[in-house]
Protein backbone atom coordinates (compact mmCIF):
# COMPACT_ATOMS: atom_id res chain seq x y z
CA UNK A 1 162.64 126.29 103.13
CA UNK A 2 160.31 126.63 106.04
CA UNK A 3 157.32 127.60 103.89
CA UNK A 4 158.19 124.91 101.36
CA UNK A 5 158.22 122.20 104.04
CA UNK A 6 154.66 123.12 105.10
CA UNK A 7 153.22 122.72 101.63
CA UNK A 8 150.83 119.85 101.20
CA UNK A 9 150.50 117.77 98.08
CA UNK A 10 147.57 119.00 96.04
CA UNK A 11 145.09 116.34 94.95
CA UNK A 12 144.72 115.61 91.29
CA UNK A 13 142.45 118.29 89.87
CA UNK A 14 140.55 115.89 87.67
CA UNK A 15 139.72 113.70 90.71
CA UNK A 16 138.49 116.78 92.56
CA UNK A 17 136.31 117.82 89.59
CA UNK A 18 134.83 114.32 89.33
CA UNK A 19 134.04 114.32 93.10
CA UNK A 20 132.38 117.71 92.81
CA UNK A 21 130.37 116.39 89.80
CA UNK A 22 129.12 113.38 91.73
CA UNK A 23 128.12 115.49 94.76
CA UNK A 24 126.38 118.17 92.63
CA UNK A 25 124.43 115.53 90.68
CA UNK A 26 123.22 114.00 93.92
CA UNK A 27 122.24 117.39 95.26
CA UNK A 28 120.23 118.15 92.06
CA UNK A 29 118.44 114.80 92.28
CA UNK A 30 117.59 115.37 95.87
CA UNK A 31 116.18 118.75 95.00
CA UNK A 32 114.06 117.12 92.36
CA UNK A 33 112.83 114.49 94.85
CA UNK A 34 111.66 117.37 97.09
CA UNK A 35 109.64 118.76 94.18
CA UNK A 36 108.13 115.37 93.37
CA UNK A 37 107.27 114.72 97.01
CA UNK A 38 105.51 118.06 97.14
CA UNK A 39 103.57 117.15 94.00
CA UNK A 40 102.60 113.79 95.46
CA UNK A 41 101.36 115.54 98.61
CA UNK A 42 99.26 117.93 96.51
CA UNK A 43 97.68 114.98 94.68
CA UNK A 44 96.91 113.21 98.00
CA UNK A 45 95.30 116.33 99.32
CA UNK A 46 93.28 116.70 96.20
CA UNK A 47 92.03 113.11 96.49
CA UNK A 48 91.26 113.71 100.14
CA UNK A 49 89.23 116.80 99.30
CA UNK A 50 87.17 114.69 96.89
CA UNK A 51 86.37 112.30 99.79
CA UNK A 52 88.97 109.52 99.11
CA UNK A 53 90.94 108.06 101.94
CA UNK A 54 94.54 109.14 101.48
CA UNK A 55 96.19 106.27 103.33
CA UNK A 56 94.15 103.78 101.37
CA UNK A 57 95.05 105.54 98.21
CA UNK A 58 98.79 105.21 99.00
CA UNK A 59 98.36 101.55 99.78
CA UNK A 60 96.89 101.11 96.33
CA UNK A 61 99.79 102.99 94.80
CA UNK A 62 102.25 100.66 96.67
CA UNK A 63 100.49 97.64 95.35
CA UNK A 64 100.56 99.01 91.81
CA UNK A 65 104.34 99.56 92.05
CA UNK A 66 105.35 96.24 93.53
CA UNK A 67 106.96 93.57 91.41
CA UNK A 68 106.43 89.79 91.78
CA UNK A 69 109.17 89.50 94.38
CA UNK A 70 107.64 92.33 96.39
CA UNK A 71 104.19 90.69 96.18
CA UNK A 72 105.53 87.32 97.37
CA UNK A 73 107.26 88.98 100.29
CA UNK A 74 104.16 91.00 101.23
CA UNK A 75 101.86 87.94 101.13
CA UNK A 76 104.32 85.84 103.17
CA UNK A 77 104.58 88.62 105.76
CA UNK A 78 100.81 88.89 105.93
CA UNK A 79 100.45 85.11 106.38
CA UNK A 80 103.04 85.09 109.16
CA UNK A 81 101.22 87.95 110.92
CA UNK A 82 97.98 85.94 110.72
CA UNK A 83 99.69 82.92 112.21
CA UNK A 84 101.22 85.02 115.03
CA UNK A 85 97.87 86.76 115.74
CA UNK A 86 96.01 83.41 115.81
CA UNK A 87 98.61 81.85 118.07
CA UNK A 88 98.22 84.82 120.54
CA UNK A 89 94.42 84.74 120.33
CA UNK A 90 94.28 88.05 118.58
CA UNK A 91 92.48 87.32 115.32
CA UNK A 92 89.68 89.64 116.44
CA UNK A 93 86.95 87.76 114.61
CA UNK A 94 88.80 87.35 111.28
CA UNK A 95 89.71 83.78 110.44
CA UNK A 96 93.04 82.67 109.04
CA UNK A 97 93.58 83.26 105.37
CA UNK A 98 94.41 80.35 103.04
CA UNK A 99 98.12 81.41 102.88
CA UNK A 100 98.37 81.26 106.69
CA UNK A 101 96.59 77.87 106.82
CA UNK A 102 99.03 76.47 104.31
CA UNK A 103 101.96 77.61 106.50
CA UNK A 104 100.68 75.30 109.19
CA UNK A 105 99.26 72.63 106.93
CA UNK A 106 100.66 72.65 103.38
CA UNK A 107 98.74 70.74 100.73
CA UNK A 108 101.18 68.94 98.45
CA UNK A 109 99.00 66.18 97.07
CA UNK A 110 96.86 67.40 94.08
CA UNK A 111 94.15 64.89 94.92
CA UNK A 112 94.17 66.07 98.57
CA UNK A 113 93.78 69.63 97.33
CA UNK A 114 90.86 68.77 95.06
CA UNK A 115 89.12 66.94 97.90
CA UNK A 116 89.61 70.05 100.07
CA UNK A 117 88.08 72.27 97.42
CA UNK A 118 85.05 69.98 97.08
CA UNK A 119 84.63 69.98 100.87
CA UNK A 120 84.69 73.73 101.02
CA UNK A 121 82.20 73.94 98.19
CA UNK A 122 79.87 71.56 99.96
CA UNK A 123 79.96 73.79 103.07
CA UNK A 124 79.25 76.95 101.24
CA UNK A 125 76.62 75.88 98.69
CA UNK A 126 73.86 76.40 101.24
CA UNK A 127 71.95 73.16 100.53
CA UNK A 128 69.04 72.99 102.94
CA UNK A 129 68.75 69.18 102.67
CA UNK A 130 72.13 68.65 104.21
CA UNK A 131 71.79 67.76 107.85
CA UNK A 132 74.55 68.38 110.37
CA UNK A 133 75.05 69.15 113.99
CA UNK A 134 76.13 72.73 113.16
CA UNK A 135 73.86 75.48 114.19
CA UNK A 136 73.11 78.22 111.67
CA UNK A 137 75.54 81.07 112.05
CA UNK A 138 73.87 83.63 114.36
CA UNK A 139 74.46 87.33 113.98
CA UNK A 140 77.76 88.38 115.47
CA UNK A 141 75.97 90.59 117.94
CA UNK A 142 74.06 87.55 119.29
CA UNK A 143 77.22 85.41 119.70
CA UNK A 144 77.94 84.80 123.41
CA UNK A 145 81.41 84.70 124.86
CA UNK A 146 80.71 81.16 126.02
CA UNK A 147 79.94 80.09 122.39
CA UNK A 148 83.13 81.69 121.14
CA UNK A 149 85.17 80.08 123.92
CA UNK A 150 83.59 76.71 123.12
CA UNK A 151 84.62 77.05 119.46
CA UNK A 152 88.16 78.00 120.54
CA UNK A 153 88.34 74.90 122.68
CA UNK A 154 87.09 72.77 119.83
CA UNK A 155 89.94 74.02 117.68
CA UNK A 156 92.47 73.30 120.37
CA UNK A 157 91.06 69.75 120.80
CA UNK A 158 91.20 69.22 117.07
CA UNK A 159 94.86 70.23 116.91
CA UNK A 160 95.68 67.92 119.78
CA UNK A 161 93.97 65.07 117.94
CA UNK A 162 96.04 65.72 114.89
CA UNK A 163 93.30 67.19 112.74
CA UNK A 164 94.34 69.64 109.97
CA UNK A 165 93.68 73.33 110.24
CA UNK A 166 91.49 72.98 107.10
CA UNK A 167 89.13 70.89 109.19
CA UNK A 168 87.54 74.02 110.70
CA UNK A 169 83.79 73.12 110.56
CA UNK A 170 82.43 76.72 110.69
CA UNK A 171 81.63 78.61 107.52
CA UNK A 172 83.08 81.91 106.46
CA UNK A 173 81.44 84.80 108.23
CA UNK A 174 80.75 82.84 111.37
CA UNK A 175 82.66 84.35 114.34
CA UNK A 176 83.26 80.79 115.61
CA UNK A 177 85.50 80.13 112.56
CA UNK A 178 88.15 82.62 113.82
CA UNK A 179 87.86 81.31 117.38
CA UNK A 180 88.37 77.71 116.14
CA UNK A 181 91.47 78.91 114.23
CA UNK A 182 92.81 80.57 117.33
CA UNK A 183 92.36 77.49 119.44
CA UNK A 184 94.07 75.27 116.77
CA UNK A 185 97.00 77.66 116.39
CA UNK A 186 97.54 78.20 120.11
CA UNK A 187 97.73 74.39 120.60
CA UNK A 188 100.14 73.95 117.67
CA UNK A 189 102.34 76.85 118.56
CA UNK A 190 102.74 76.01 122.28
CA UNK A 191 103.97 72.39 122.07
CA UNK A 192 107.69 71.87 122.79
CA UNK A 193 110.46 74.41 122.99
CA UNK A 194 111.25 74.68 119.30
CA UNK A 195 109.79 77.45 117.16
CA UNK A 196 107.18 75.85 114.77
CA UNK A 197 108.16 75.90 111.11
CA UNK A 198 105.01 77.82 110.41
CA UNK A 199 106.38 80.68 112.55
CA UNK A 200 109.47 81.09 110.43
CA UNK A 201 109.91 82.89 107.14
CA UNK A 202 110.69 80.44 104.35
CA UNK A 203 114.25 80.37 103.22
CA UNK A 204 114.77 81.39 99.63
CA UNK A 205 117.55 79.87 97.48
CA UNK A 206 120.67 81.98 97.33
CA UNK A 207 121.29 83.91 94.19
CA UNK A 208 124.22 81.72 93.33
CA UNK A 209 121.99 78.63 93.49
CA UNK A 210 119.67 80.18 90.93
CA UNK A 211 122.38 80.39 88.35
CA UNK A 212 123.62 77.73 85.96
CA UNK A 213 126.50 76.82 88.29
CA UNK A 214 129.03 77.53 85.63
CA UNK A 215 131.29 79.52 87.97
CA UNK A 216 134.64 77.77 88.49
């Protein structure tokens, strides 16, 4: 009786077999992953030996594998990073991208958008008969810190006056363009205690909202 009382109930053998099957299948897949990872490493090394940059190659691979949702998330993250960098004065000579500008200053009116495109085209067409107070963009090496600081202050003043971020007067490639963006964003990001909407990730509709609402 003593030995009988110490016996434990044995689990169902079919359940044990199923558990073992699940575990073994996962083990096999993980072993296959190791093989694939080794193969990928060999290909990366082969590309590196041919002179290609391995990190850049893997970035291209990641872009090739992303779906539309991944792309939207990546672009939104990049735009947010641009906004944060500009607000901290860390653009490092690179102006805000269009996606980042639209976070601060969305264009909803099609007519407004068309006017903006025409304005940008006028700035970049290089017509010599157009007179303005802008100086030609000097080489970046000849750009003084005072000039950069002045452009940054111009952006700050423009933001305080309610001008749009798209009102940046400097052309692409001019270091003053990034400085103006920084000044504008610093001013817009420092007013009040609330976090600006442009600093937040946009809320996406819940999965339930995307359905037909047929659930009772």
